[in-house]
């Protein structure tokens, strides 16, 4: 599932770094913390590697 916003992509990248042991899981906050728990490394990698062009900074919630 590709990221829908730059913020979501950054959160996925942080969660992926924690999964790989590059950063401490305790450093994660909010969305990246829940993503790390609920998504596989493969899913996070796919979301974090989404092209940024044309993506909004945040997705508006309805």
N, C-alpha and C. Protein backbone atom coordinates (compact mmCIF):
# COMPACT_ATOMS: atom_id res chain seq x y z
N UNK A 1 0.84 -1.18 0.00
CA UNK A 1 0.00 0.00 0.00
C UNK A 1 0.89 1.24 0.00
N UNK A 2 0.84 2.02 -1.04
CA UNK A 2 1.69 3.21 -1.12
C UNK A 2 1.25 4.29 -0.12
N UNK A 3 2.18 5.11 0.28
CA UNK A 3 1.87 6.21 1.20
C UNK A 3 0.97 7.22 0.50
N UNK A 4 0.06 7.81 1.26
CA UNK A 4 -0.86 8.79 0.69
C UNK A 4 -0.38 10.22 0.92
N UNK A 5 0.62 10.40 1.79
CA UNK A 5 1.14 11.73 2.07
C UNK A 5 2.61 11.64 2.47
N UNK A 6 3.28 12.79 2.44
CA UNK A 6 4.69 12.82 2.86
C UNK A 6 4.82 12.45 4.33
N UNK A 7 3.86 12.91 5.14
CA UNK A 7 3.89 12.61 6.58
C UNK A 7 3.78 11.11 6.82
N UNK A 8 2.90 10.45 6.07
CA UNK A 8 2.72 9.01 6.19
C UNK A 8 3.99 8.28 5.74
N UNK A 9 4.60 8.78 4.70
CA UNK A 9 5.83 8.18 4.19
C UNK A 9 6.96 8.29 5.21
N UNK A 10 7.06 9.45 5.85
CA UNK A 10 8.10 9.65 6.87
C UNK A 10 7.86 8.73 8.06
N UNK A 11 6.60 8.58 8.46
CA UNK A 11 6.26 7.70 9.58
C UNK A 11 6.64 6.25 9.25
N UNK A 12 6.36 5.84 8.02
CA UNK A 12 6.70 4.48 7.59
C UNK A 12 8.21 4.29 7.58
N UNK A 13 8.93 5.30 7.16
CA UNK A 13 10.39 5.23 7.14
C UNK A 13 10.96 5.08 8.54
N UNK A 14 10.40 5.82 9.50
CA UNK A 14 10.85 5.74 10.89
C UNK A 14 10.53 4.36 11.47
N UNK A 15 9.34 3.86 11.19
CA UNK A 15 8.94 2.54 11.68
C UNK A 15 9.84 1.46 11.08
N UNK A 16 10.17 1.61 9.81
CA UNK A 16 11.05 0.64 9.14
C UNK A 16 12.45 0.66 9.75
N UNK A 17 12.96 1.84 10.05
CA UNK A 17 14.28 1.96 10.67
C UNK A 17 14.29 1.27 12.04
N UNK A 18 13.20 1.41 12.79
CA UNK A 18 13.11 0.77 14.10
C UNK A 18 13.04 -0.75 13.96
N UNK A 19 12.27 -1.22 12.97
CA UNK A 19 12.16 -2.67 12.73
C UNK A 19 13.51 -3.26 12.39
N UNK A 20 14.30 -2.52 11.66
CA UNK A 20 15.62 -3.00 11.23
C UNK A 20 16.69 -2.79 12.30
N UNK A 21 16.31 -2.10 13.39
CA UNK A 21 17.25 -1.87 14.48
C UNK A 21 18.15 -0.66 14.28
N UNK A 22 17.83 0.19 13.30
CA UNK A 22 18.64 1.39 13.04
C UNK A 22 18.39 2.48 14.09
N UNK A 23 17.17 2.51 14.61
CA UNK A 23 16.85 3.44 15.70
C UNK A 23 16.11 2.64 16.78
N UNK A 24 16.04 3.19 17.99
CA UNK A 24 15.35 2.51 19.09
C UNK A 24 13.84 2.64 18.91
N UNK A 25 13.13 1.55 19.19
CA UNK A 25 11.67 1.59 19.10
C UNK A 25 11.09 2.63 20.04
N UNK A 26 11.78 2.91 21.13
CA UNK A 26 11.31 3.89 22.10
C UNK A 26 11.33 5.31 21.54
N UNK A 27 12.07 5.52 20.45
CA UNK A 27 12.12 6.85 19.81
C UNK A 27 10.91 7.12 18.92
N UNK A 28 10.16 6.08 18.60
CA UNK A 28 9.00 6.25 17.72
C UNK A 28 7.86 6.93 18.46
N UNK A 29 7.09 7.74 17.72
CA UNK A 29 5.94 8.43 18.29
C UNK A 29 4.74 8.24 17.36
N UNK A 30 3.57 8.31 17.92
CA UNK A 30 2.33 8.35 17.14
C UNK A 30 2.19 7.31 16.06
N UNK A 31 2.00 7.76 14.83
CA UNK A 31 1.73 6.88 13.70
C UNK A 31 2.84 5.88 13.45
N UNK A 32 4.10 6.33 13.56
CA UNK A 32 5.20 5.42 13.27
C UNK A 32 5.26 4.30 14.31
N UNK A 33 4.85 4.60 15.54
CA UNK A 33 4.85 3.58 16.60
C UNK A 33 3.81 2.50 16.29
N UNK A 34 2.60 2.92 15.89
CA UNK A 34 1.57 1.93 15.58
C UNK A 34 1.86 1.20 14.28
N UNK A 35 2.48 1.88 13.32
CA UNK A 35 2.86 1.22 12.06
C UNK A 35 3.89 0.13 12.32
N UNK A 36 4.85 0.40 13.18
CA UNK A 36 5.91 -0.57 13.48
C UNK A 36 5.30 -1.83 14.06
N UNK A 37 4.27 -1.68 14.90
CA UNK A 37 3.62 -2.84 15.52
C UNK A 37 2.73 -3.60 14.55
N UNK A 38 2.02 -2.87 13.69
CA UNK A 38 0.98 -3.50 12.88
C UNK A 38 1.39 -3.90 11.47
N UNK A 39 2.52 -3.42 10.98
CA UNK A 39 2.89 -3.70 9.60
C UNK A 39 4.18 -4.50 9.51
N UNK A 40 4.29 -5.29 8.45
CA UNK A 40 5.51 -6.07 8.24
C UNK A 40 6.60 -5.18 7.64
N UNK A 41 7.83 -5.65 7.70
CA UNK A 41 8.95 -4.89 7.13
C UNK A 41 8.73 -4.64 5.65
N UNK A 42 8.19 -5.64 4.95
CA UNK A 42 7.93 -5.53 3.52
C UNK A 42 6.89 -4.44 3.23
N UNK A 43 5.82 -4.41 4.03
CA UNK A 43 4.77 -3.39 3.85
C UNK A 43 5.34 -1.99 4.11
N UNK A 44 6.12 -1.87 5.19
CA UNK A 44 6.72 -0.58 5.53
C UNK A 44 7.67 -0.11 4.45
N UNK A 45 8.44 -1.04 3.92
CA UNK A 45 9.40 -0.71 2.86
C UNK A 45 8.67 -0.17 1.64
N UNK A 46 7.55 -0.81 1.29
CA UNK A 46 6.76 -0.38 0.14
C UNK A 46 6.20 1.03 0.36
N UNK A 47 5.69 1.28 1.57
CA UNK A 47 5.12 2.60 1.87
C UNK A 47 6.20 3.68 1.94
N UNK A 48 7.33 3.35 2.54
CA UNK A 48 8.41 4.33 2.69
C UNK A 48 9.06 4.68 1.35
N UNK A 49 8.99 3.76 0.40
CA UNK A 49 9.65 4.00 -0.89
C UNK A 49 8.74 4.60 -1.95
N UNK A 50 7.52 4.99 -1.57
CA UNK A 50 6.59 5.64 -2.49
C UNK A 50 7.21 6.92 -3.04
N UNK A 51 6.99 7.19 -4.32
CA UNK A 51 7.48 8.44 -4.90
C UNK A 51 6.77 9.61 -4.23
N UNK A 52 7.52 10.67 -3.94
CA UNK A 52 6.96 11.82 -3.23
C UNK A 52 6.30 12.83 -4.15
N UNK A 53 6.64 12.82 -5.39
CA UNK A 53 6.13 13.83 -6.32
C UNK A 53 4.59 13.83 -6.33
N UNK A 54 4.03 15.00 -6.14
CA UNK A 54 2.58 15.14 -6.19
C UNK A 54 1.86 14.72 -4.91
N UNK A 55 2.61 14.34 -3.89
CA UNK A 55 1.97 13.93 -2.63
C UNK A 55 1.74 15.16 -1.74
N UNK A 56 0.60 15.22 -1.10
CA UNK A 56 0.39 16.32 -0.15
C UNK A 56 1.23 16.09 1.11
N UNK A 57 1.47 17.15 1.86
CA UNK A 57 2.23 17.00 3.12
C UNK A 57 1.45 16.11 4.09
N UNK A 58 0.11 16.34 4.16
CA UNK A 58 -0.76 15.53 5.00
C UNK A 58 -2.03 15.23 4.22
N UNK A 59 -2.70 14.14 4.58
CA UNK A 59 -3.97 13.80 3.96
C UNK A 59 -5.07 14.34 4.85
N UNK A 60 -6.01 15.06 4.27
CA UNK A 60 -7.13 15.60 5.04
C UNK A 60 -8.06 14.46 5.43
N UNK A 61 -8.44 14.39 6.71
CA UNK A 61 -9.38 13.36 7.17
C UNK A 61 -10.79 13.90 7.05
N UNK A 62 -11.66 13.05 6.57
CA UNK A 62 -13.06 13.47 6.38
C UNK A 62 -13.91 13.11 7.57
